[in-house]
Amino acid sequence: MKKLLLSIAMLVSITLMRAQNVITNPFFDQTDYIGAFNTNDWTAGWANWDPQNTVYGEATVTKTGEITASETWTANNVYLLDGWVYVKDGATLTIEPGTVIRGDYNTKGSLIIERGAKLNAVGTSSQPIIFTSGEDAGNRDYGDWGGIILCGKATINVTGGDAEIEGGVGSHYGGGISPDDNDNSGSLKFVRIEFPGVPFLPDKEINGLTFGGVGRGTEIDYVQVSYSGDDAYEWFGGTVNCKHLVTYRTWDDDYDTDYGYSGMIQYAVALRDPAIADPGSGSNGFESDNNGSGTDDAPYTQAVFSNFSMFGPKVTQATATSPDYKRAMHLRRNTKLKVYNSIFAGYKDGLMIDGTSAETNATNDELKMYNCIIAGVSGSYFTLASGSSWDIRSWYFDSSRHNDTLVNNSDLMISGAFNLSAPNFLPQTGSPALGQSFWASVNQNNSPDFQAIIMPNPVKDNAIFNIELNQNSRLNISVYNNLGELVQVVANENLPEGNHAFGFNAASLPSGLYFARISANQSCQVWKIVVE
């Protein structure tokens, strides 16, 4: 009986978690643009594009060993992490805005927040909290210290629900047989993590910021990882949600998801150094596995990513780069990652869906890419495992997905994105990143709430929107210009199930690219319209 009740409880937990993990979750801002930026540079004021030469104060307080009772680190001190510093179960480490924490080079100082402990590091835009190298300005490098590891009690897809975190520090993560997906490991906000990432042993690296079974009660917002000697961010299972993430000059992968990570992330940017990549595994923008063996262990890695701007090492297709660069995305080992409204520019190769299980997930629309652009690829836009004949190109370009490719990075009209010393990620007027997005939900039988077609397209004077509603719905059809400005409401009314037609008068509109946002109940589609 106990085993039966436990199985039911775990099934309910997984079902609830999956129900929350959708693009229409209120966690997501429903933007009218793709990529991480429109006219607001949310990196301004707190991110740092020259940490190599930033002068920080000398350490005044050295921290070692275990923190077993709650304590506060204050901005009037500079702290040195000497070796692995553990915040133990029941203790909360609070760090004031503006505090600097330096990691010792010789001992590879690291901060490990164990299960049941909390890290509350909440800075401000003008006073970020800074974790950085203990070395002097001009002498800092990848992997000068370990990094930050958060361990929580949320669900992971490891047998028994418990595992030792990567990095050799000995701490465990995951909630075992009774996980808590709402577990709270604290808050990180306006935090910079500079020169972390240590390959302690092969396949036992400490990343810039590691999440092990971290729950959605944890707040992660406005975090920059720079010059990481391994991955910038890696999620091992868990349900934590994140916003406003930055990676800068990462050595290995920028965003890595494993072991059933099922959280949501919106607004993230990556900027790569053409000369630096991992000579071991090779460097990707995204790397995603269900687990190390690609089994069917549940819950699947099914994180939802939206509004990512990934700028790889190639400013142009001719840019010389490290030979160890791989792809914008390597999706493999049975992952069910979901990617929306994102830009991938300047990589050697674009998208690799690797292996039969990942291909099957994509065919079943469990691995998703919607309203994404891949640009400026010098090699292959799409690749598969050796011997596969799956038609990845047709999958990516299926009209329902609204994906696109561009030959050149310049076609994105984001002219300063590859500037390593002073990047400008804001799209210019007319950029294909502006005035479009995709927000969709499906009903229980995986059929959208409506089907739509626009004829003719391109439009000279008039067109017709033909809409078939699968149920009684509140239908809205709104047309926007390429700046995201509303130019016409075609329909906004309650309608019965069935076929409906609406006229669109484009005679007074200037020639150019427009976007129609069609929504009914919780479903939404965005269509490109060309007015001639």
Protein backbone atom coordinates (compact mmCIF):
# COMPACT_ATOMS: atom_id res chain seq x y z
CA MET A 1 0.00 0.00 0.00
CA LYS A 2 2.80 2.43 0.85
CA LYS A 3 4.45 1.75 -2.51
CA LEU A 4 1.12 2.31 -4.28
CA LEU A 5 0.51 5.61 -2.48
CA LEU A 6 4.06 6.71 -3.21
CA SER A 7 3.65 5.90 -6.90
CA ILE A 8 0.39 7.85 -7.05
CA ALA A 9 1.98 10.83 -5.28
CA MET A 10 4.94 10.86 -7.69
CA LEU A 11 2.59 10.59 -10.69
CA VAL A 12 0.50 13.51 -9.43
CA SER A 13 3.67 15.54 -8.81
CA ILE A 14 4.97 14.89 -12.33
CA THR A 15 1.56 15.62 -13.88
CA LEU A 16 1.26 18.95 -12.06
CA MET A 17 4.81 19.89 -13.01
CA ARG A 18 4.16 19.20 -16.67
CA ALA A 19 0.92 21.15 -16.58
CA GLN A 20 2.86 24.22 -15.41
CA ASN A 21 5.58 23.81 -18.03
CA VAL A 22 3.92 25.46 -21.05
CA ILE A 23 4.57 28.61 -23.07
CA THR A 24 1.26 30.13 -21.92
CA ASN A 25 2.29 29.96 -18.26
CA PRO A 26 1.97 33.45 -16.67
CA PHE A 27 5.70 33.29 -15.97
CA PHE A 28 6.27 34.30 -19.60
CA ASP A 29 5.84 37.87 -20.80
CA GLN A 30 4.01 37.60 -24.12
CA THR A 31 6.35 39.73 -26.20
CA ASP A 32 5.81 41.10 -29.69
CA TYR A 33 9.42 40.37 -30.69
CA ILE A 34 11.81 37.45 -30.86
CA GLY A 35 15.20 37.27 -29.22
CA ALA A 36 16.03 38.73 -25.83
CA PHE A 37 15.70 42.45 -26.66
CA ASN A 38 13.47 45.04 -28.30
CA THR A 39 14.22 48.66 -27.39
CA ASN A 40 15.30 47.97 -23.79
CA ASP A 41 18.85 46.90 -23.01
CA TRP A 42 18.29 45.06 -19.73
CA THR A 43 22.06 44.38 -19.39
CA ALA A 44 22.79 48.11 -18.95
CA GLY A 45 24.15 49.25 -15.61
CA TRP A 46 25.01 45.91 -14.04
CA ALA A 47 26.66 43.63 -16.65
CA ASN A 48 30.41 43.93 -17.20
CA TRP A 49 32.13 43.47 -20.58
CA ASP A 50 35.69 43.93 -19.27
CA PRO A 51 36.02 41.91 -16.04
CA GLN A 52 39.62 41.14 -16.94
CA ASN A 53 40.65 44.71 -16.12
CA THR A 54 38.12 45.69 -13.46
CA VAL A 55 39.82 46.59 -10.19
CA TYR A 56 38.38 44.95 -7.08
CA GLY A 57 39.45 45.44 -3.48
CA GLU A 58 41.74 43.03 -1.67
CA ALA A 59 40.09 40.38 0.48
CA THR A 60 39.45 41.36 4.07
CA VAL A 61 37.58 38.23 5.23
CA THR A 62 38.49 34.63 4.35
CA LYS A 63 35.79 31.95 4.38
CA THR A 64 36.58 28.24 4.58
CA GLY A 65 34.84 25.02 5.45
CA GLU A 66 31.19 24.85 6.53
CA ILE A 67 28.62 27.52 7.32
CA THR A 68 26.16 25.87 9.71
CA ALA A 69 24.25 28.91 11.00
CA SER A 70 22.73 31.82 9.07
CA GLU A 71 25.02 34.77 8.45
CA THR A 72 25.25 37.94 6.34
CA TRP A 73 28.15 39.09 4.17
CA THR A 74 28.34 42.87 3.99
CA ALA A 75 29.43 45.28 1.27
CA ASN A 76 32.09 46.92 3.46
CA ASN A 77 34.13 43.69 3.27
CA VAL A 78 35.67 41.75 0.40
CA TYR A 79 35.38 38.00 0.93
CA LEU A 80 37.74 35.25 -0.21
CA LEU A 81 36.48 31.72 -0.82
CA ASP A 82 39.39 29.51 0.27
CA GLY A 83 38.58 26.01 -0.93
CA TRP A 84 35.07 24.56 -1.02
CA VAL A 85 32.76 26.53 1.25
CA TYR A 86 29.51 24.73 2.12
CA VAL A 87 26.30 26.34 3.36
CA LYS A 88 24.69 23.48 5.27
CA ASP A 89 21.08 22.39 5.66
CA GLY A 90 19.07 24.94 7.67
CA ALA A 91 21.51 27.84 7.19
CA THR A 92 20.89 30.92 5.02
CA LEU A 93 23.75 32.97 3.57
CA THR A 94 22.62 36.54 2.87
CA ILE A 95 24.83 38.81 0.76
CA GLU A 96 24.29 42.57 0.65
CA PRO A 97 24.09 44.56 -2.62
CA GLY A 98 27.51 45.65 -3.86
CA THR A 99 29.44 42.91 -2.04
CA VAL A 100 32.51 41.44 -3.78
CA ILE A 101 33.42 37.78 -3.26
CA ARG A 102 36.68 36.47 -4.72
CA GLY A 103 37.59 32.83 -5.37
CA ASP A 104 41.07 31.62 -4.43
CA TYR A 105 43.06 30.37 -7.42
CA ASN A 106 45.19 27.73 -5.69
CA THR A 107 42.34 26.01 -3.84
CA LYS A 108 39.72 26.64 -6.56
CA GLY A 109 37.44 28.28 -4.02
CA SER A 110 33.75 27.47 -4.58
CA LEU A 111 30.42 28.14 -2.89
CA ILE A 112 28.12 25.13 -2.44
CA ILE A 113 24.57 25.63 -1.20
CA GLU A 114 23.42 22.24 0.05
CA ARG A 115 19.87 20.87 0.19
CA GLY A 116 17.83 22.72 2.78
CA ALA A 117 20.17 25.74 2.76
CA LYS A 118 19.61 29.09 1.02
CA LEU A 119 21.67 31.73 -0.75
CA ASN A 120 20.02 35.14 -0.78
CA ALA A 121 22.29 37.24 -2.99
CA VAL A 122 20.07 40.10 -4.10
CA GLY A 123 21.91 43.03 -5.61
CA THR A 124 20.61 45.99 -7.58
CA SER A 125 21.29 47.32 -11.06
CA SER A 126 23.61 49.96 -9.63
CA GLN A 127 25.07 47.65 -6.94
CA PRO A 128 25.38 44.14 -8.33
CA ILE A 129 26.87 41.36 -6.23
CA ILE A 130 30.13 40.19 -7.78
CA PHE A 131 31.75 36.76 -7.56
CA THR A 132 35.11 36.96 -9.29
CA SER A 133 38.68 35.74 -9.50
CA GLY A 134 41.09 36.23 -6.63
CA GLU A 135 43.78 37.16 -9.16
CA ASP A 136 44.83 40.71 -9.96
CA ALA A 137 43.44 42.73 -12.83
CA GLY A 138 45.07 41.72 -16.11
CA ASN A 139 46.06 38.30 -14.72
CA ARG A 140 42.66 36.61 -14.62
CA ASP A 141 41.70 33.65 -16.73
CA TYR A 142 39.16 30.91 -17.29
CA GLY A 143 38.72 28.64 -14.28
CA ASP A 144 40.52 30.78 -11.73
CA TRP A 145 38.06 29.49 -9.12
CA GLY A 146 35.25 26.95 -8.93
CA GLY A 147 31.85 28.61 -9.12
CA ILE A 148 28.47 28.49 -7.41
CA ILE A 149 26.55 25.25 -6.91
CA LEU A 150 22.92 25.22 -5.78
CA CYS A 151 21.49 21.90 -4.57
CA GLY A 152 17.77 21.47 -3.99
CA LYS A 153 15.05 18.92 -3.29
CA ALA A 154 13.09 19.02 -6.56
CA THR A 155 12.47 16.13 -8.95
CA ILE A 156 15.29 14.62 -11.00
CA ASN A 157 15.05 11.61 -13.31
CA VAL A 158 17.80 9.63 -11.57
CA THR A 159 16.68 6.34 -10.03
CA GLY A 160 15.79 6.99 -6.40
CA GLY A 161 15.61 10.75 -6.99
CA ASP A 162 19.01 11.42 -5.41
CA ALA A 163 22.44 11.97 -6.97
CA GLU A 164 25.84 13.45 -6.22
CA ILE A 165 26.31 16.79 -7.95
CA GLU A 166 28.92 17.11 -10.69
CA GLY A 167 32.20 18.69 -9.67
CA GLY A 168 33.57 16.34 -7.04
CA VAL A 169 32.38 18.41 -4.08
CA GLY A 170 30.46 15.46 -2.57
CA SER A 171 27.09 17.21 -2.11
CA HIS A 172 23.84 15.54 -3.16
CA TYR A 173 20.80 16.94 -4.94
CA GLY A 174 17.23 15.90 -5.67
CA GLY A 175 14.36 15.19 -3.31
CA GLY A 176 14.65 11.41 -3.27
CA ILE A 177 11.36 9.52 -3.10
CA SER A 178 9.45 12.60 -1.91
CA PRO A 179 10.67 15.56 -4.00
CA ASP A 180 9.48 19.11 -3.45
CA ASP A 181 9.24 20.90 -6.80
CA ASN A 182 8.45 24.17 -5.00
CA ASP A 183 11.65 23.93 -2.96
CA ASN A 184 13.38 27.25 -2.29
CA SER A 185 17.18 27.55 -2.46
CA GLY A 186 17.07 31.34 -2.14
CA SER A 187 17.41 34.26 -4.58
CA LEU A 188 20.10 35.43 -6.99
CA LYS A 189 19.38 38.78 -8.56
CA PHE A 190 21.78 41.23 -10.20
CA VAL A 191 24.73 38.89 -9.70
CA ARG A 192 27.93 38.60 -11.76
CA ILE A 193 30.00 35.40 -11.75
CA GLU A 194 33.40 35.96 -13.40
CA PHE A 195 36.23 33.49 -14.28
CA PRO A 196 34.67 30.37 -12.69
CA GLY A 197 34.44 26.84 -14.05
CA VAL A 198 36.91 24.09 -13.17
CA PRO A 199 37.39 20.66 -14.83
CA PHE A 200 38.04 19.00 -11.45
CA LEU A 201 38.04 15.57 -13.13
CA PRO A 202 36.88 14.44 -16.60
CA ASP A 203 33.08 14.72 -16.67
CA LYS A 204 33.14 16.14 -13.13
CA GLU A 205 33.46 19.84 -13.91
CA ILE A 206 32.28 22.72 -11.76
CA ASN A 207 30.30 25.10 -13.97
CA GLY A 208 29.85 28.83 -13.57
CA LEU A 209 26.42 28.36 -12.00
CA THR A 210 25.22 24.81 -11.39
CA PHE A 211 21.64 23.91 -10.51
CA GLY A 212 21.08 20.46 -9.00
CA GLY A 213 17.42 19.60 -8.42
CA VAL A 214 16.62 23.25 -7.65
CA GLY A 215 12.92 24.02 -7.11
CA ARG A 216 10.72 26.73 -8.54
CA GLY A 217 10.55 28.51 -5.19
CA THR A 218 14.06 29.79 -6.01
CA GLU A 219 14.39 33.18 -7.76
CA ILE A 220 17.02 33.60 -10.49
CA ASP A 221 16.97 36.92 -12.34
CA TYR A 222 19.66 39.14 -13.88
CA VAL A 223 22.72 36.89 -13.65
CA GLN A 224 25.85 37.12 -15.81
CA VAL A 225 28.44 34.34 -16.11
CA SER A 226 31.66 35.47 -17.80
CA TYR A 227 34.79 33.55 -18.83
CA SER A 228 33.54 30.25 -17.42
CA GLY A 229 36.08 27.45 -17.76
CA ASP A 230 33.31 24.93 -18.38
CA ASP A 231 29.60 25.45 -19.05
CA ALA A 232 28.21 28.82 -18.01
CA TYR A 233 24.90 27.40 -16.69
CA GLU A 234 23.92 23.76 -16.24
CA TRP A 235 20.64 22.43 -14.89
CA PHE A 236 20.57 18.88 -13.51
CA GLY A 237 16.84 18.20 -13.19
CA GLY A 238 14.70 20.44 -11.04
CA THR A 239 12.02 23.00 -11.80
CA VAL A 240 13.66 26.38 -11.14
CA ASN A 241 12.60 29.23 -13.45
CA CYS A 242 15.01 31.95 -14.60
CA LYS A 243 14.92 35.31 -16.37
CA HIS A 244 17.55 37.70 -17.76
CA LEU A 245 20.61 35.45 -18.05
CA VAL A 246 23.88 36.47 -19.72
CA THR A 247 26.83 34.36 -20.83
CA TYR A 248 30.03 36.01 -22.01
CA ARG A 249 33.06 34.32 -23.57
CA THR A 250 32.19 30.85 -22.26
CA TRP A 251 34.72 28.03 -22.73
CA ASP A 252 32.27 25.13 -23.22
CA ASP A 253 28.46 25.26 -23.58
CA ASP A 254 26.42 28.32 -22.67
CA TYR A 255 23.17 26.63 -21.56
CA ASP A 256 23.18 22.91 -20.70
CA THR A 257 20.12 20.93 -19.55
CA ASP A 258 20.08 17.36 -18.19
CA TYR A 259 18.37 14.82 -15.93
CA GLY A 260 14.81 15.98 -16.37
CA TYR A 261 15.15 19.74 -16.02
CA SER A 262 11.61 21.05 -16.39
CA GLY A 263 11.79 24.76 -15.65
CA MET A 264 11.13 27.84 -17.76
CA ILE A 265 13.58 30.51 -18.91
CA GLN A 266 12.89 33.81 -20.67
CA TYR A 267 15.33 36.48 -21.86
CA ALA A 268 18.85 35.12 -22.20
CA VAL A 269 21.81 36.19 -24.30
CA ALA A 270 25.15 34.60 -25.20
CA LEU A 271 28.20 36.26 -26.73
CA ARG A 272 31.18 34.10 -27.74
CA ASP A 273 34.88 34.74 -28.27
CA PRO A 274 35.92 33.44 -31.73
CA ALA A 275 39.29 32.22 -30.40
CA ILE A 276 38.08 30.24 -27.37
CA ALA A 277 36.25 26.89 -27.35
CA ASP A 278 36.50 23.59 -25.48
CA PRO A 279 39.07 21.26 -27.13
CA GLY A 280 37.58 18.30 -25.27
CA SER A 281 33.85 18.03 -25.99
CA GLY A 282 33.61 21.00 -28.36
CA SER A 283 31.46 24.05 -27.64
CA ASN A 284 27.75 24.51 -28.31
CA GLY A 285 25.27 27.25 -27.52
CA PHE A 286 22.63 24.81 -26.25
CA GLU A 287 23.31 21.24 -25.21
CA SER A 288 20.36 19.21 -23.99
CA ASP A 289 19.95 15.57 -22.88
CA ASN A 290 17.19 13.73 -21.08
CA ASN A 291 20.01 12.02 -19.20
CA GLY A 292 23.47 10.70 -19.92
CA SER A 293 22.14 7.53 -21.58
CA GLY A 294 19.07 8.97 -23.31
CA THR A 295 16.66 6.63 -21.56
CA ASP A 296 12.93 7.14 -21.02
CA ASP A 297 13.37 7.95 -17.33
CA ALA A 298 10.79 10.52 -16.21
CA PRO A 299 10.36 13.37 -15.93
CA TYR A 300 11.89 14.18 -19.28
CA THR A 301 14.14 17.14 -19.86
CA GLN A 302 11.39 19.40 -21.19
CA ALA A 303 12.38 22.92 -20.22
CA VAL A 304 10.69 25.79 -22.05
CA PHE A 305 13.07 28.46 -23.40
CA SER A 306 11.79 31.70 -24.93
CA ASN A 307 13.44 34.90 -26.12
CA PHE A 308 17.05 33.77 -26.33
CA SER A 309 19.61 35.71 -28.39
CA MET A 310 22.61 33.50 -29.09
CA PHE A 311 25.54 35.22 -30.82
CA GLY A 312 28.23 32.72 -31.74
CA PRO A 313 31.87 33.17 -32.73
CA LYS A 314 31.38 34.08 -36.40
CA VAL A 315 30.77 37.77 -37.02
CA THR A 316 30.63 36.79 -40.69
CA GLN A 317 30.83 33.39 -42.29
CA ALA A 318 34.50 34.07 -43.06
CA THR A 319 35.49 34.87 -39.45
CA ALA A 320 38.34 32.62 -38.28
CA THR A 321 37.39 30.71 -35.15
CA SER A 322 38.67 27.98 -32.89
CA PRO A 323 38.28 24.58 -34.63
CA ASP A 324 36.62 23.29 -31.46
CA TYR A 325 33.39 25.20 -32.06
CA LYS A 326 30.42 22.98 -32.88
CA ARG A 327 26.80 24.13 -33.13
CA ALA A 328 24.25 26.64 -31.97
CA MET A 329 22.14 23.74 -30.64
CA HIS A 330 22.95 20.10 -29.95
CA LEU A 331 19.68 18.43 -28.90
CA ARG A 332 20.20 14.76 -28.19
CA ARG A 333 19.68 11.75 -25.90
CA ASN A 334 15.87 11.81 -25.82
CA THR A 335 15.51 15.47 -24.85
CA LYS A 336 12.13 17.19 -25.17
CA LEU A 337 13.43 20.76 -24.96
CA LYS A 338 11.01 23.45 -26.19
CA VAL A 339 12.44 26.60 -27.80
CA TYR A 340 10.37 29.62 -28.84
CA ASN A 341 10.95 33.13 -30.16
CA SER A 342 14.75 32.87 -30.28
CA ILE A 343 17.71 33.88 -32.46
CA PHE A 344 20.85 31.82 -33.18
CA ALA A 345 23.46 33.72 -35.16
CA GLY A 346 27.08 33.23 -36.17
CA TYR A 347 27.79 29.55 -35.52
CA LYS A 348 29.77 26.97 -37.47
CA ASP A 349 26.68 24.73 -37.66
CA GLY A 350 23.11 25.50 -36.70
CA LEU A 351 20.79 22.83 -35.29
CA MET A 352 21.66 19.19 -34.65
CA ILE A 353 18.89 16.83 -33.57
CA ASP A 354 20.91 13.81 -32.61
CA GLY A 355 19.55 10.28 -32.40
CA THR A 356 16.36 8.36 -33.10
CA SER A 357 14.70 9.20 -29.78
CA ALA A 358 15.23 12.95 -30.19
CA GLU A 359 14.00 12.75 -33.80
CA THR A 360 10.88 10.90 -32.63
CA ASN A 361 10.25 13.54 -29.96
CA ALA A 362 10.50 16.23 -32.63
CA THR A 363 8.16 14.36 -34.97
CA ASN A 364 5.65 14.04 -32.10
CA ASP A 365 5.99 17.79 -31.37
CA GLU A 366 7.41 17.08 -27.93
CA LEU A 367 10.78 18.54 -28.86
CA LYS A 368 9.77 21.96 -30.19
CA MET A 369 11.13 24.95 -32.06
CA TYR A 370 8.68 27.73 -32.91
CA ASN A 371 9.30 31.19 -34.35
CA CYS A 372 13.08 30.95 -34.32
CA ILE A 373 15.73 32.32 -36.68
CA ILE A 374 19.09 30.70 -37.46
CA ALA A 375 21.45 33.12 -39.24
CA GLY A 376 25.00 33.42 -40.56
CA VAL A 377 25.96 29.74 -40.39
CA SER A 378 29.21 28.91 -42.21
CA GLY A 379 28.75 25.14 -42.29
CA SER A 380 25.42 23.27 -42.18
CA TYR A 381 22.23 24.83 -40.91
CA PHE A 382 20.87 21.35 -40.03
CA THR A 383 22.70 18.15 -39.11
CA LEU A 384 21.77 14.67 -37.88
CA ALA A 385 23.52 11.63 -36.46
CA SER A 386 25.49 9.62 -38.99
CA GLY A 387 23.23 7.37 -41.04
CA SER A 388 19.98 9.15 -40.20
CA SER A 389 17.58 9.95 -43.04
CA TRP A 390 15.08 11.94 -40.98
CA ASP A 391 13.97 15.11 -42.76
CA ILE A 392 15.06 17.76 -40.25
CA ARG A 393 14.78 20.57 -42.79
CA SER A 394 11.09 19.91 -43.47
CA TRP A 395 10.41 19.63 -39.75
CA TYR A 396 12.08 22.99 -39.02
CA PHE A 397 10.40 24.79 -41.91
CA ASP A 398 6.91 23.38 -41.36
CA SER A 399 4.62 26.40 -41.78
CA SER A 400 3.01 25.91 -38.38
CA ARG A 401 6.37 26.52 -36.70
CA HIS A 402 7.11 29.88 -38.34
CA ASN A 403 10.87 29.29 -38.25
CA ASP A 404 13.29 30.94 -40.63
CA THR A 405 16.94 31.06 -41.70
CA LEU A 406 19.01 34.03 -42.88
CA VAL A 407 22.18 33.86 -44.91
CA ASN A 408 24.02 36.65 -43.12
CA ASN A 409 24.10 37.91 -39.55
CA SER A 410 23.67 41.41 -40.97
CA ASP A 411 20.20 40.40 -42.18
CA LEU A 412 19.12 40.42 -38.53
CA MET A 413 19.82 44.16 -38.38
CA ILE A 414 21.41 43.91 -34.91
CA SER A 415 24.63 45.62 -35.82
CA GLY A 416 26.47 45.72 -32.48
CA ALA A 417 25.73 42.23 -31.20
CA PHE A 418 29.21 40.79 -31.88
CA ASN A 419 31.18 43.65 -30.32
CA LEU A 420 33.02 41.91 -27.47
CA SER A 421 34.00 45.09 -25.63
CA ALA A 422 30.73 47.04 -25.93
CA PRO A 423 27.93 44.89 -27.36
CA ASN A 424 24.65 46.43 -28.49
CA PHE A 425 21.99 43.74 -28.71
CA LEU A 426 19.09 46.01 -29.71
CA PRO A 427 17.46 45.33 -33.10
CA GLN A 428 17.32 48.25 -35.51
CA THR A 429 14.12 49.50 -37.11
CA GLY A 430 13.05 46.97 -39.71
CA SER A 431 14.78 44.03 -38.05
CA PRO A 432 13.00 40.68 -38.56
CA ALA A 433 13.25 40.27 -34.77
CA LEU A 434 10.67 43.00 -34.25
CA GLY A 435 6.91 42.83 -34.62
CA GLN A 436 6.53 39.08 -34.33
CA SER A 437 6.29 36.35 -31.72
CA PHE A 438 4.56 33.08 -31.19
CA TRP A 439 2.50 32.12 -28.15
CA ALA A 440 0.60 28.90 -28.47
CA SER A 441 -1.21 26.43 -26.29
CA VAL A 442 -3.04 23.33 -27.40
CA ASN A 443 -6.07 21.53 -26.06
CA GLN A 444 -5.88 18.07 -24.56
CA ASN A 445 -5.97 16.21 -27.86
CA ASN A 446 -3.09 18.35 -29.17
CA SER A 447 -5.28 20.11 -31.74
CA PRO A 448 -5.00 23.90 -31.86
CA ASP A 449 -8.15 25.85 -30.99
CA PHE A 450 -8.31 27.11 -34.57
CA GLN A 451 -6.86 26.82 -38.06
CA ALA A 452 -6.13 29.88 -40.16
CA ILE A 453 -5.21 30.80 -43.71
CA ILE A 454 -4.61 34.23 -45.29
CA MET A 455 -5.29 34.67 -49.01
CA PRO A 456 -3.74 36.14 -51.03
CA ASN A 457 -0.32 36.74 -49.49
CA PRO A 458 1.43 38.98 -50.66
CA VAL A 459 -1.46 41.45 -50.51
CA LYS A 460 -2.03 44.34 -52.92
CA ASP A 461 -5.30 45.84 -51.71
CA ASN A 462 -7.45 43.24 -49.95
CA ALA A 463 -7.09 39.80 -48.41
CA ILE A 464 -9.29 37.35 -46.54
CA PHE A 465 -8.60 35.69 -43.20
CA ASN A 466 -10.31 32.29 -43.20
CA ILE A 467 -10.60 30.95 -39.66
CA GLU A 468 -11.94 27.56 -38.58
CA LEU A 469 -12.74 27.50 -34.86
CA ASN A 470 -12.76 24.12 -33.14
CA GLN A 471 -14.97 25.46 -30.34
CA ASN A 472 -16.82 28.61 -29.32
CA SER A 473 -14.12 31.22 -28.91
CA ARG A 474 -13.19 34.83 -28.39
CA LEU A 475 -11.37 35.57 -31.65
CA ASN A 476 -8.93 38.44 -32.12
CA ILE A 477 -7.07 39.26 -35.33
CA SER A 478 -4.69 42.21 -35.05
CA VAL A 479 -2.17 43.40 -37.65
CA TYR A 480 1.13 45.04 -36.65
CA ASN A 481 3.85 46.75 -38.66
CA ASN A 482 7.50 45.69 -38.43
CA LEU A 483 8.04 48.04 -35.47
CA GLY A 484 5.41 46.20 -33.48
CA GLU A 485 2.86 49.02 -33.80
CA LEU A 486 -0.80 48.07 -34.12
CA VAL A 487 -2.16 49.18 -37.50
CA GLN A 488 -5.50 47.37 -37.76
CA VAL A 489 -7.89 45.23 -35.71
CA VAL A 490 -9.51 42.88 -38.20
CA ALA A 491 -11.70 41.00 -35.70
CA ASN A 492 -12.38 41.03 -31.97
CA GLU A 493 -15.56 39.18 -31.05
CA ASN A 494 -17.12 36.07 -29.55
CA LEU A 495 -17.89 33.50 -32.25
CA PRO A 496 -19.36 30.00 -32.43
CA GLU A 497 -17.49 26.91 -33.55
CA GLY A 498 -17.14 26.70 -37.34
CA ASN A 499 -15.81 28.63 -40.33
CA HIS A 500 -15.54 32.42 -40.41
CA ALA A 501 -14.11 34.88 -42.96
CA PHE A 502 -12.85 38.42 -42.35
CA GLY A 503 -11.71 41.02 -44.86
CA PHE A 504 -8.35 42.77 -44.47
CA ASN A 505 -8.03 46.11 -46.29
CA ALA A 506 -4.39 46.89 -46.97
CA ALA A 507 -4.94 49.59 -49.61
CA SER A 508 -3.91 52.42 -47.29
CA LEU A 509 -0.87 50.67 -45.82
CA PRO A 510 2.67 51.36 -47.03
CA SER A 511 4.38 48.48 -48.77
CA GLY A 512 6.40 46.24 -46.49
CA LEU A 513 6.34 43.43 -43.95
CA TYR A 514 3.47 43.12 -41.46
CA PHE A 515 2.45 40.56 -38.86
CA ALA A 516 -1.01 39.26 -38.04
CA ARG A 517 -1.53 37.99 -34.51
CA ILE A 518 -4.50 35.60 -34.39
CA SER A 519 -5.72 34.39 -31.00
CA ALA A 520 -8.66 32.27 -29.90
CA ASN A 521 -9.08 31.22 -26.28
CA GLN A 522 -5.54 30.26 -25.21
CA SER A 523 -4.13 29.58 -28.68
CA CYS A 524 -2.16 32.09 -30.72
CA GLN A 525 -0.48 32.19 -34.11
CA VAL A 526 1.59 34.92 -35.77
CA TRP A 527 1.59 35.17 -39.58
CA LYS A 528 3.90 37.22 -41.78
CA ILE A 529 2.08 39.34 -44.36
CA VAL A 530 3.75 41.15 -47.25
CA VAL A 531 1.91 44.24 -48.51
CA GLU A 532 2.89 45.18 -52.06
